[in-house]
């Protein structure tokens, strides 16, 4: 079955599409906010645990080059996003920086969906891939905030507080904490919690994507107001950054599955950590721009077309 069709027909993506349909029909199927928070916390911790277990098995020499490459990509990809937005849109510097911060960071759920596709196709990938997710979560947000330049909204205490929020926020803390727990746990102790954090993971992802589908469906109403240039950017940026991630991943020796995951990470847009940081550092930025592009356009695009594209490119290069 072609990767694109297999992605679309997976339970997780179908649940997302059901949520979008529910939003368009104005049917209220959203999960309560505490449940949404609990599910996202579970996904973050589970991904971290699995990545930490992979780190325990891999040697430092194996991990060093991909991690350094991820750090470099975390700086380069937001600069590409900034340039594309400058050419394709008429956004103010503050709004451009806000959108850039989202494209410099990563999407946990897009990464998780890509992992699900790889595992369903028995495509091997590096077990420490979640480490690259953790590494890429922060730099792009910081670069985006720095690109706001001298804008008053990005200066002083606001930006400092945003940096603190990124580094100590729930996303980073649970992800890095899970990595540490997985790396320090013995194989036997890790296996004891695997039924909760490994076996149940696909089902929890389905519930979370159903809720995200509702949120994304509501954002689709804002797409016309975003303007054609911003819509084009929301598709062009992930393709360019994702392809770059695949190229770099292949160059540093990742397997085709691992290179595809790095492409997914660099081609995705954050809608958990980045919005919180942007609200603090750039309160003048219009949320309709950065939430519509990241959640309403790029996220669905990657789920349906982006992930298969990055996998096909990685296989061609590999």
C-alpha atoms as a PDB file:
ATOM      1  CA  UNK A   1       0.000   0.000   0.000  1.00  0.00           C
ATOM      2  CA  UNK A   2       1.449   3.447  -0.880  1.00  0.00           C
ATOM      3  CA  UNK A   3       2.725   5.333   2.164  1.00  0.00           C
ATOM      4  CA  UNK A   4       0.355   8.264   1.605  1.00  0.00           C
ATOM      5  CA  UNK A   5      -2.699   5.982   1.495  1.00  0.00           C
ATOM      6  CA  UNK A   6      -1.484   4.008   4.501  1.00  0.00           C
ATOM      7  CA  UNK A   7      -1.032   7.223   6.449  1.00  0.00           C
ATOM      8  CA  UNK A   8      -4.514   8.501   5.621  1.00  0.00           C
ATOM      9  CA  UNK A   9      -6.158   5.183   6.490  1.00  0.00           C
ATOM     10  CA  UNK A  10      -4.418   4.735   9.836  1.00  0.00           C
ATOM     11  CA  UNK A  11      -6.764   4.961  12.860  1.00  0.00           C
ATOM     12  CA  UNK A  12      -4.906   7.978  14.248  1.00  0.00           C
ATOM     13  CA  UNK A  13      -5.222  10.063  11.080  1.00  0.00           C
ATOM     14  CA  UNK A  14      -8.814   8.944  10.515  1.00  0.00           C
ATOM     15  CA  UNK A  15      -9.601  10.076  14.055  1.00  0.00           C
ATOM     16  CA  UNK A  16      -8.033  13.446  13.248  1.00  0.00           C
ATOM     17  CA  UNK A  17     -10.166  13.762  10.107  1.00  0.00           C
ATOM     18  CA  UNK A  18     -13.253  12.847  12.140  1.00  0.00           C
ATOM     19  CA  UNK A  19     -12.428  15.684  14.510  1.00  0.00           C
ATOM     20  CA  UNK A  20     -12.065  18.107  11.577  1.00  0.00           C
ATOM     21  CA  UNK A  21     -15.427  16.981  10.206  1.00  0.00           C
ATOM     22  CA  UNK A  22     -17.034  17.412  13.618  1.00  0.00           C
ATOM     23  CA  UNK A  23     -15.693  20.966  13.830  1.00  0.00           C
ATOM     24  CA  UNK A  24     -16.952  21.843  10.352  1.00  0.00           C
ATOM     25  CA  UNK A  25     -20.380  20.450  11.298  1.00  0.00           C
ATOM     26  CA  UNK A  26     -20.193  22.482  14.535  1.00  0.00           C
ATOM     27  CA  UNK A  27     -20.595  19.316  16.581  1.00  0.00           C
ATOM     28  CA  UNK A  28     -19.034  19.597  20.030  1.00  0.00           C
ATOM     29  CA  UNK A  29     -16.946  16.447  20.425  1.00  0.00           C
ATOM     30  CA  UNK A  30     -13.969  18.125  22.064  1.00  0.00           C
ATOM     31  CA  UNK A  31     -12.457  16.380  25.039  1.00  0.00           C
ATOM     32  CA  UNK A  32     -12.449  18.356  28.317  1.00  0.00           C
ATOM     33  CA  UNK A  33      -9.321  20.480  28.713  1.00  0.00           C
ATOM     34  CA  UNK A  34      -8.009  18.433  31.688  1.00  0.00           C
ATOM     35  CA  UNK A  35      -8.268  15.259  29.572  1.00  0.00           C
ATOM     36  CA  UNK A  36      -6.463  16.949  26.658  1.00  0.00           C
ATOM     37  CA  UNK A  37      -3.688  18.024  29.035  1.00  0.00           C
ATOM     38  CA  UNK A  38      -3.433  14.544  30.534  1.00  0.00           C
ATOM     39  CA  UNK A  39      -3.204  12.892  27.109  1.00  0.00           C
ATOM     40  CA  UNK A  40      -0.517  15.292  25.875  1.00  0.00           C
ATOM     41  CA  UNK A  41       1.462  14.746  29.098  1.00  0.00           C
ATOM     42  CA  UNK A  42       1.234  10.986  28.615  1.00  0.00           C
ATOM     43  CA  UNK A  43       2.465  11.230  25.008  1.00  0.00           C
ATOM     44  CA  UNK A  44       5.404  13.422  25.983  1.00  0.00           C
ATOM     45  CA  UNK A  45       6.490  11.135  28.811  1.00  0.00           C
ATOM     46  CA  UNK A  46       5.998   7.968  26.753  1.00  0.00           C
ATOM     47  CA  UNK A  47       8.048   9.321  23.839  1.00  0.00           C
ATOM     48  CA  UNK A  48      10.765  10.380  26.274  1.00  0.00           C
ATOM     49  CA  UNK A  49      10.880   6.978  27.977  1.00  0.00           C
ATOM     50  CA  UNK A  50      11.205   5.164  24.662  1.00  0.00           C
ATOM     51  CA  UNK A  51      13.907   7.548  23.466  1.00  0.00           C
ATOM     52  CA  UNK A  52      15.795   7.213  26.748  1.00  0.00           C
ATOM     53  CA  UNK A  53      15.762   3.434  26.443  1.00  0.00           C
ATOM     54  CA  UNK A  54      17.190   3.843  22.952  1.00  0.00           C
ATOM     55  CA  UNK A  55      19.893   6.156  24.276  1.00  0.00           C
ATOM     56  CA  UNK A  56      20.846   3.525  26.858  1.00  0.00           C
ATOM     57  CA  UNK A  57      21.418   1.009  24.086  1.00  0.00           C
ATOM     58  CA  UNK A  58      23.287   3.363  21.715  1.00  0.00           C
ATOM     59  CA  UNK A  59      26.839   4.503  22.253  1.00  0.00           C
ATOM     60  CA  UNK A  60      27.919   8.147  22.472  1.00  0.00           C
ATOM     61  CA  UNK A  61      29.718   7.908  19.145  1.00  0.00           C
ATOM     62  CA  UNK A  62      26.509   6.836  17.431  1.00  0.00           C
ATOM     63  CA  UNK A  63      24.433   9.664  18.898  1.00  0.00           C
ATOM     64  CA  UNK A  64      26.880  12.587  18.727  1.00  0.00           C
ATOM     65  CA  UNK A  65      26.701  13.410  14.999  1.00  0.00           C
ATOM     66  CA  UNK A  66      22.878  13.284  14.731  1.00  0.00           C
ATOM     67  CA  UNK A  67      22.498  15.440  17.859  1.00  0.00           C
ATOM     68  CA  UNK A  68      24.940  18.063  16.556  1.00  0.00           C
ATOM     69  CA  UNK A  69      23.151  18.001  13.211  1.00  0.00           C
ATOM     70  CA  UNK A  70      19.821  18.542  14.987  1.00  0.00           C
ATOM     71  CA  UNK A  71      21.216  21.561  16.836  1.00  0.00           C
ATOM     72  CA  UNK A  72      22.433  23.066  13.541  1.00  0.00           C
ATOM     73  CA  UNK A  73      19.057  22.407  11.912  1.00  0.00           C
ATOM     74  CA  UNK A  74      17.363  24.055  14.868  1.00  0.00           C
ATOM     75  CA  UNK A  75      19.132  27.286  13.911  1.00  0.00           C
ATOM     76  CA  UNK A  76      18.941  27.017  10.117  1.00  0.00           C
ATOM     77  CA  UNK A  77      15.290  25.994   9.670  1.00  0.00           C
ATOM     78  CA  UNK A  78      13.781  29.051  11.401  1.00  0.00           C
ATOM     79  CA  UNK A  79      15.990  31.281   9.250  1.00  0.00           C
ATOM     80  CA  UNK A  80      14.560  29.578   6.162  1.00  0.00           C
ATOM     81  CA  UNK A  81      11.049  30.089   7.510  1.00  0.00           C
ATOM     82  CA  UNK A  82      11.766  33.770   8.210  1.00  0.00           C
ATOM     83  CA  UNK A  83      13.041  34.300   4.665  1.00  0.00           C
ATOM     84  CA  UNK A  84      10.085  32.489   3.089  1.00  0.00           C
ATOM     85  CA  UNK A  85       7.591  34.497   5.143  1.00  0.00           C
ATOM     86  CA  UNK A  86       9.344  37.729   4.190  1.00  0.00           C
ATOM     87  CA  UNK A  87       9.028  36.906   0.487  1.00  0.00           C
ATOM     88  CA  UNK A  88       5.557  35.345   0.466  1.00  0.00           C
ATOM     89  CA  UNK A  89       3.675  37.460   3.010  1.00  0.00           C
ATOM     90  CA  UNK A  90       3.227  41.009   4.220  1.00  0.00           C
ATOM     91  CA  UNK A  91       3.386  40.110   7.889  1.00  0.00           C
ATOM     92  CA  UNK A  92       4.861  42.618  10.302  1.00  0.00           C
ATOM     93  CA  UNK A  93       8.254  41.702  11.843  1.00  0.00           C
ATOM     94  CA  UNK A  94       6.534  40.704  15.096  1.00  0.00           C
ATOM     95  CA  UNK A  95       3.987  38.431  13.380  1.00  0.00           C
ATOM     96  CA  UNK A  96       6.701  37.023  11.136  1.00  0.00           C
ATOM     97  CA  UNK A  97       8.854  36.223  14.170  1.00  0.00           C
ATOM     98  CA  UNK A  98       5.896  34.562  15.906  1.00  0.00           C
ATOM     99  CA  UNK A  99       5.198  32.296  12.929  1.00  0.00           C
ATOM    100  CA  UNK A 100       8.921  31.613  12.513  1.00  0.00           C
ATOM    101  CA  UNK A 101       9.187  30.412  16.122  1.00  0.00           C
ATOM    102  CA  UNK A 102       6.499  27.808  15.437  1.00  0.00           C
ATOM    103  CA  UNK A 103       8.257  26.489  12.323  1.00  0.00           C
ATOM    104  CA  UNK A 104      11.628  26.432  14.056  1.00  0.00           C
ATOM    105  CA  UNK A 105      10.271  24.132  16.747  1.00  0.00           C
ATOM    106  CA  UNK A 106       8.731  20.671  16.345  1.00  0.00           C
ATOM    107  CA  UNK A 107       5.423  18.816  16.543  1.00  0.00           C
ATOM    108  CA  UNK A 108       5.322  15.888  18.935  1.00  0.00           C
ATOM    109  CA  UNK A 109       2.144  14.472  17.413  1.00  0.00           C
ATOM    110  CA  UNK A 110       3.429  14.637  13.819  1.00  0.00           C
ATOM    111  CA  UNK A 111       6.557  12.817  14.994  1.00  0.00           C
ATOM    112  CA  UNK A 112       4.422  10.235  16.791  1.00  0.00           C
ATOM    113  CA  UNK A 113       2.257   9.662  13.719  1.00  0.00           C
ATOM    114  CA  UNK A 114       5.416   9.172  11.639  1.00  0.00           C
ATOM    115  CA  UNK A 115       6.740   6.634  14.143  1.00  0.00           C
ATOM    116  CA  UNK A 116       3.434   4.794  13.900  1.00  0.00           C
ATOM    117  CA  UNK A 117       3.709   4.646  10.108  1.00  0.00           C
ATOM    118  CA  UNK A 118       7.286   3.353  10.248  1.00  0.00           C
ATOM    119  CA  UNK A 119       6.367   0.663  12.754  1.00  0.00           C
ATOM    120  CA  UNK A 120       3.307  -0.411  10.757  1.00  0.00           C
ATOM    121  CA  UNK A 121       5.558  -0.897   7.714  1.00  0.00           C
ATOM    122  CA  UNK A 122       8.336  -2.591   9.757  1.00  0.00           C
ATOM    123  CA  UNK A 123      10.674   0.233   8.725  1.00  0.00           C
ATOM    124  CA  UNK A 124      13.645   0.345  11.142  1.00  0.00           C
ATOM    125  CA  UNK A 125      14.719   3.631  12.711  1.00  0.00           C
ATOM    126  CA  UNK A 126      17.100   4.721  15.447  1.00  0.00           C
ATOM    127  CA  UNK A 127      15.582   4.081  18.886  1.00  0.00           C
ATOM    128  CA  UNK A 128      17.045   7.334  20.230  1.00  0.00           C
ATOM    129  CA  UNK A 129      15.079   9.438  17.705  1.00  0.00           C
ATOM    130  CA  UNK A 130      13.128  11.064  20.552  1.00  0.00           C
ATOM    131  CA  UNK A 131      16.410  12.649  21.656  1.00  0.00           C
ATOM    132  CA  UNK A 132      16.456  14.587  18.389  1.00  0.00           C
ATOM    133  CA  UNK A 133      12.897  15.708  19.126  1.00  0.00           C
ATOM    134  CA  UNK A 134      14.014  17.082  22.486  1.00  0.00           C
ATOM    135  CA  UNK A 135      17.040  18.808  20.951  1.00  0.00           C
ATOM    136  CA  UNK A 136      14.986  20.491  18.227  1.00  0.00           C
ATOM    137  CA  UNK A 137      12.195  21.683  20.506  1.00  0.00           C
ATOM    138  CA  UNK A 138      14.014  24.736  21.866  1.00  0.00           C
ATOM    139  CA  UNK A 139      16.494  26.388  19.418  1.00  0.00           C
ATOM    140  CA  UNK A 140      13.941  27.334  16.771  1.00  0.00           C
ATOM    141  CA  UNK A 141      11.724  29.111  19.290  1.00  0.00           C
ATOM    142  CA  UNK A 142      14.673  31.099  20.602  1.00  0.00           C
ATOM    143  CA  UNK A 143      15.831  32.032  17.091  1.00  0.00           C
ATOM    144  CA  UNK A 144      12.306  33.133  16.220  1.00  0.00           C
ATOM    145  CA  UNK A 145      12.144  35.379  19.262  1.00  0.00           C
ATOM    146  CA  UNK A 146      15.576  36.838  18.505  1.00  0.00           C
ATOM    147  CA  UNK A 147      14.483  37.605  14.940  1.00  0.00           C
ATOM    148  CA  UNK A 148      11.851  39.913  16.373  1.00  0.00           C
ATOM    149  CA  UNK A 149      14.782  42.285  16.723  1.00  0.00           C
ATOM    150  CA  UNK A 150      14.094  45.543  18.474  1.00  0.00           C
ATOM    151  CA  UNK A 151      10.334  45.145  18.595  1.00  0.00           C
ATOM    152  CA  UNK A 152       9.137  46.426  21.912  1.00  0.00           C
ATOM    153  CA  UNK A 153       7.009  43.364  22.473  1.00  0.00           C
ATOM    154  CA  UNK A 154      10.048  41.114  22.274  1.00  0.00           C
ATOM    155  CA  UNK A 155      12.353  43.111  24.500  1.00  0.00           C
ATOM    156  CA  UNK A 156      13.409  42.865  28.122  1.00  0.00           C
ATOM    157  CA  UNK A 157      11.601  40.788  30.698  1.00  0.00           C
ATOM    158  CA  UNK A 158       9.061  39.445  28.213  1.00  0.00           C
ATOM    159  CA  UNK A 159      11.684  37.646  26.162  1.00  0.00           C
ATOM    160  CA  UNK A 160      13.566  36.453  29.247  1.00  0.00           C
ATOM    161  CA  UNK A 161      10.367  35.044  30.699  1.00  0.00           C
ATOM    162  CA  UNK A 162       9.582  33.346  27.399  1.00  0.00           C
ATOM    163  CA  UNK A 163      12.992  31.649  27.382  1.00  0.00           C
ATOM    164  CA  UNK A 164      12.384  30.447  30.937  1.00  0.00           C
ATOM    165  CA  UNK A 165       8.947  29.200  29.901  1.00  0.00           C
ATOM    166  CA  UNK A 166      10.422  27.215  27.013  1.00  0.00           C
ATOM    167  CA  UNK A 167      13.161  25.633  29.119  1.00  0.00           C
ATOM    168  CA  UNK A 168      10.996  24.800  32.148  1.00  0.00           C
ATOM    169  CA  UNK A 169       7.625  24.300  30.471  1.00  0.00           C
ATOM    170  CA  UNK A 170       5.685  21.060  30.625  1.00  0.00           C
ATOM    171  CA  UNK A 171       6.694  19.912  27.125  1.00  0.00           C
ATOM    172  CA  UNK A 172      10.445  20.115  27.649  1.00  0.00           C
ATOM    173  CA  UNK A 173      10.356  18.930  31.252  1.00  0.00           C
ATOM    174  CA  UNK A 174       8.293  15.809  30.534  1.00  0.00           C
ATOM    175  CA  UNK A 175      10.197  14.979  27.360  1.00  0.00           C
ATOM    176  CA  UNK A 176      13.688  15.399  28.830  1.00  0.00           C
ATOM    177  CA  UNK A 177      12.593  13.856  32.118  1.00  0.00           C
ATOM    178  CA  UNK A 178      11.277  10.837  30.244  1.00  0.00           C
ATOM    179  CA  UNK A 179      14.560  10.579  28.348  1.00  0.00           C
ATOM    180  CA  UNK A 180      16.476  10.580  31.643  1.00  0.00           C
ATOM    181  CA  UNK A 181      14.167   7.978  33.211  1.00  0.00           C
ATOM    182  CA  UNK A 182      14.387   5.719  30.174  1.00  0.00           C
ATOM    183  CA  UNK A 183      18.176   6.040  29.993  1.00  0.00           C
ATOM    184  CA  UNK A 184      18.707   5.352  33.710  1.00  0.00           C
ATOM    185  CA  UNK A 185      16.189   2.505  34.024  1.00  0.00           C
ATOM    186  CA  UNK A 186      17.308  -1.097  33.794  1.00  0.00           C
ATOM    187  CA  UNK A 187      15.850  -3.172  30.951  1.00  0.00           C
ATOM    188  CA  UNK A 188      13.764  -5.165  33.444  1.00  0.00           C
ATOM    189  CA  UNK A 189      12.309  -2.064  35.118  1.00  0.00           C
ATOM    190  CA  UNK A 190      11.553  -0.484  31.741  1.00  0.00           C
ATOM    191  CA  UNK A 191       9.765  -3.632  30.622  1.00  0.00           C
ATOM    192  CA  UNK A 192       7.582  -3.447  33.729  1.00  0.00           C
ATOM    193  CA  UNK A 193       6.032  -0.141  32.600  1.00  0.00           C
ATOM    194  CA  UNK A 194       5.990  -0.980  28.882  1.00  0.00           C
ATOM    195  CA  UNK A 195       2.338  -2.165  28.943  1.00  0.00           C
ATOM    196  CA  UNK A 196       1.268   1.352  29.950  1.00  0.00           C
ATOM    197  CA  UNK A 197       3.689   3.467  27.944  1.00  0.00           C
ATOM    198  CA  UNK A 198       4.196   1.266  24.866  1.00  0.00           C
ATOM    199  CA  UNK A 199       1.194  -1.035  24.433  1.00  0.00           C
ATOM    200  CA  UNK A 200      -1.456   1.616  25.124  1.00  0.00           C
ATOM    201  CA  UNK A 201       0.345   4.353  23.204  1.00  0.00           C
ATOM    202  CA  UNK A 202      -1.470   3.937  19.821  1.00  0.00           C
ATOM    203  CA  UNK A 203      -4.908   4.097  21.456  1.00  0.00           C
ATOM    204  CA  UNK A 204      -4.074   7.240  23.412  1.00  0.00           C
ATOM    205  CA  UNK A 205      -2.745   8.821  20.228  1.00  0.00           C
ATOM    206  CA  UNK A 206      -6.084   8.180  18.495  1.00  0.00           C
ATOM    207  CA  UNK A 207      -7.964  10.035  21.257  1.00  0.00           C
ATOM    208  CA  UNK A 208      -5.504  12.931  21.199  1.00  0.00           C
ATOM    209  CA  UNK A 209      -5.677  13.303  17.422  1.00  0.00           C
ATOM    210  CA  UNK A 210      -9.476  13.284  17.537  1.00  0.00           C
ATOM    211  CA  UNK A 211      -9.319  16.295  19.847  1.00  0.00           C
ATOM    212  CA  UNK A 212      -6.650  18.006  17.729  1.00  0.00           C
ATOM    213  CA  UNK A 213      -8.816  17.461  14.676  1.00  0.00           C
ATOM    214  CA  UNK A 214     -11.556  19.537  16.297  1.00  0.00           C
ATOM    215  CA  UNK A 215      -9.072  22.309  17.083  1.00  0.00           C
ATOM    216  CA  UNK A 216      -7.628  22.239  13.560  1.00  0.00           C
ATOM    217  CA  UNK A 217     -11.104  22.214  12.011  1.00  0.00           C
ATOM    218  CA  UNK A 218     -11.996  25.361  13.878  1.00  0.00           C
ATOM    219  CA  UNK A 219      -8.827  27.023  12.605  1.00  0.00           C
ATOM    220  CA  UNK A 220      -9.703  26.223   8.992  1.00  0.00           C
ATOM    221  CA  UNK A 221     -12.271  29.019   9.121  1.00  0.00           C
ATOM    222  CA  UNK A 222      -9.370  31.456   9.589  1.00  0.00           C
ATOM    223  CA  UNK A 223      -7.474  30.282   6.490  1.00  0.00           C
ATOM    224  CA  UNK A 224      -9.025  32.793   4.025  1.00  0.00           C
ATOM    225  CA  UNK A 225      -8.179  35.664   6.346  1.00  0.00           C
ATOM    226  CA  UNK A 226      -4.550  34.529   6.489  1.00  0.00           C
ATOM    227  CA  UNK A 227      -4.116  35.365   2.807  1.00  0.00           C
ATOM    228  CA  UNK A 228      -2.823  33.194  -0.058  1.00  0.00           C
ATOM    229  CA  UNK A 229       0.825  34.007   0.629  1.00  0.00           C
ATOM    230  CA  UNK A 230       0.644  32.701   4.166  1.00  0.00           C
ATOM    231  CA  UNK A 231      -1.133  29.545   3.005  1.00  0.00           C
ATOM    232  CA  UNK A 232       1.596  28.942   0.406  1.00  0.00           C
ATOM    233  CA  UNK A 233       4.246  29.517   3.076  1.00  0.00           C
ATOM    234  CA  UNK A 234       2.543  27.037   5.426  1.00  0.00           C
ATOM    235  CA  UNK A 235       3.060  24.316   2.816  1.00  0.00           C
ATOM    236  CA  UNK A 236       6.355  25.445   1.275  1.00  0.00           C
ATOM    237  CA  UNK A 237       8.256  25.851   4.550  1.00  0.00           C
ATOM    238  CA  UNK A 238       7.641  22.291   5.798  1.00  0.00           C
ATOM    239  CA  UNK A 239       8.560  20.782   2.427  1.00  0.00           C
ATOM    240  CA  UNK A 240      11.836  22.733   2.243  1.00  0.00           C
ATOM    241  CA  UNK A 241      12.782  22.233   5.898  1.00  0.00           C
ATOM    242  CA  UNK A 242      11.655  18.615   5.906  1.00  0.00           C
ATOM    243  CA  UNK A 243      13.669  17.803   2.798  1.00  0.00           C
ATOM    244  CA  UNK A 244      16.705  19.482   4.358  1.00  0.00           C
ATOM    245  CA  UNK A 245      16.258  17.378   7.479  1.00  0.00           C
ATOM    246  CA  UNK A 246      16.186  14.191   5.398  1.00  0.00           C
ATOM    247  CA  UNK A 247      19.327  15.240   3.498  1.00  0.00           C
ATOM    248  CA  UNK A 248      21.227  16.061   6.695  1.00  0.00           C
ATOM    249  CA  UNK A 249      20.001  12.914   8.425  1.00  0.00           C
ATOM    250  CA  UNK A 250      21.225  10.779   5.543  1.00  0.00           C
ATOM    251  CA  UNK A 251      24.560  12.608   5.522  1.00  0.00           C
ATOM    252  CA  UNK A 252      25.222  11.906   9.218  1.00  0.00           C
ATOM    253  CA  UNK A 253      24.500   8.207   8.806  1.00  0.00           C
ATOM    254  CA  UNK A 254      20.906   7.787   9.929  1.00  0.00           C
ATOM    255  CA  UNK A 255      18.906   4.922   8.480  1.00  0.00           C
ATOM    256  CA  UNK A 256      16.199   5.846   5.935  1.00  0.00           C
ATOM    257  CA  UNK A 257      13.620   5.585   8.732  1.00  0.00           C
ATOM    258  CA  UNK A 258      15.703   7.778  11.031  1.00  0.00           C
ATOM    259  CA  UNK A 259      16.385  10.331   8.288  1.00  0.00           C
ATOM    260  CA  UNK A 260      12.662  10.434   7.513  1.00  0.00           C
ATOM    261  CA  UNK A 261      11.922  11.137  11.193  1.00  0.00           C
ATOM    262  CA  UNK A 262      14.468  13.954  11.233  1.00  0.00           C
ATOM    263  CA  UNK A 263      12.741  15.336   8.146  1.00  0.00           C
ATOM    264  CA  UNK A 264       9.392  15.104   9.920  1.00  0.00           C
ATOM    265  CA  UNK A 265      10.827  17.004  12.891  1.00  0.00           C
ATOM    266  CA  UNK A 266      12.348  19.807  10.825  1.00  0.00           C
ATOM    267  CA  UNK A 267       9.286  19.981   8.565  1.00  0.00           C
ATOM    268  CA  UNK A 268       6.727  20.210  11.358  1.00  0.00           C
ATOM    269  CA  UNK A 269       5.449  23.223  13.294  1.00  0.00           C
ATOM    270  CA  UNK A 270       4.935  23.447  17.033  1.00  0.00           C
ATOM    271  CA  UNK A 271       1.520  24.125  18.539  1.00  0.00           C
ATOM    272  CA  UNK A 272       2.267  23.259  22.179  1.00  0.00           C
ATOM    273  CA  UNK A 273       5.540  24.819  23.338  1.00  0.00           C
ATOM    274  CA  UNK A 274       5.809  27.644  20.780  1.00  0.00           C
ATOM    275  CA  UNK A 275       2.384  29.262  21.373  1.00  0.00           C
ATOM    276  CA  UNK A 276       3.064  29.523  25.107  1.00  0.00           C
ATOM    277  CA  UNK A 277       6.433  31.181  24.523  1.00  0.00           C
ATOM    278  CA  UNK A 278       5.114  33.522  21.843  1.00  0.00           C
ATOM    279  CA  UNK A 279       2.225  34.685  24.002  1.00  0.00           C
ATOM    280  CA  UNK A 280       4.750  35.761  26.637  1.00  0.00           C
ATOM    281  CA  UNK A 281       7.436  37.298  24.429  1.00  0.00           C
ATOM    282  CA  UNK A 282       5.344  38.659  21.559  1.00  0.00           C
ATOM    283  CA  UNK A 283       1.933  39.543  22.997  1.00  0.00           C
ATOM    284  CA  UNK A 284       1.250  41.863  20.039  1.00  0.00           C
ATOM    285  CA  UNK A 285       1.500  38.973  17.556  1.00  0.00           C
ATOM    286  CA  UNK A 286      -1.786  37.845  16.048  1.00  0.00           C
ATOM    287  CA  UNK A 287      -2.594  34.250  17.160  1.00  0.00           C
ATOM    288  CA  UNK A 288      -4.754  33.764  14.060  1.00  0.00           C
ATOM    289  CA  UNK A 289      -1.594  33.764  11.937  1.00  0.00           C
ATOM    290  CA  UNK A 290       0.631  31.377  13.865  1.00  0.00           C
ATOM    291  CA  UNK A 291      -2.095  28.974  15.042  1.00  0.00           C
ATOM    292  CA  UNK A 292      -3.846  28.822  11.668  1.00  0.00           C
ATOM    293  CA  UNK A 293      -0.619  28.040   9.824  1.00  0.00           C
ATOM    294  CA  UNK A 294       0.839  25.553  12.320  1.00  0.00           C
ATOM    295  CA  UNK A 295      -2.312  23.693  13.354  1.00  0.00           C
ATOM    296  CA  UNK A 296      -4.816  24.424  10.581  1.00  0.00           C
ATOM    297  CA  UNK A 297      -2.586  23.984   7.510  1.00  0.00           C
ATOM    298  CA  UNK A 298       0.865  22.491   8.160  1.00  0.00           C
ATOM    299  CA  UNK A 299      -0.237  19.807  10.624  1.00  0.00           C
ATOM    300  CA  UNK A 300      -2.889  18.258   8.323  1.00  0.00           C
ATOM    301  CA  UNK A 301      -0.560  18.611   5.322  1.00  0.00           C
ATOM    302  CA  UNK A 302       2.194  16.706   7.078  1.00  0.00           C
ATOM    303  CA  UNK A 303      -0.141  13.992   8.326  1.00  0.00           C
ATOM    304  CA  UNK A 304      -1.492  13.265   4.855  1.00  0.00           C
ATOM    305  CA  UNK A 305       1.342  14.156   2.453  1.00  0.00           C
ATOM    306  CA  UNK A 306       4.442  15.339   4.314  1.00  0.00           C
ATOM    307  CA  UNK A 307       5.291  12.146   6.199  1.00  0.00           C
ATOM    308  CA  UNK A 308       5.077   9.911   3.083  1.00  0.00           C
ATOM    309  CA  UNK A 309       7.096  12.498   1.129  1.00  0.00           C
ATOM    310  CA  UNK A 310       9.960  12.565   3.652  1.00  0.00           C
ATOM    311  CA  UNK A 311       9.985   8.761   3.871  1.00  0.00           C
ATOM    312  CA  UNK A 312      10.095   8.409   0.080  1.00  0.00           C
ATOM    313  CA  UNK A 313      12.961  10.916  -0.130  1.00  0.00           C
ATOM    314  CA  UNK A 314      14.881   9.143   2.651  1.00  0.00           C
ATOM    315  CA  UNK A 315      14.510   5.793   0.910  1.00  0.00           C
ATOM    316  CA  UNK A 316      15.695   7.290  -2.380  1.00  0.00           C
ATOM    317  CA  UNK A 317      18.784   8.800  -0.744  1.00  0.00           C
ATOM    318  CA  UNK A 318      19.429   5.780   1.439  1.00  0.00           C
END
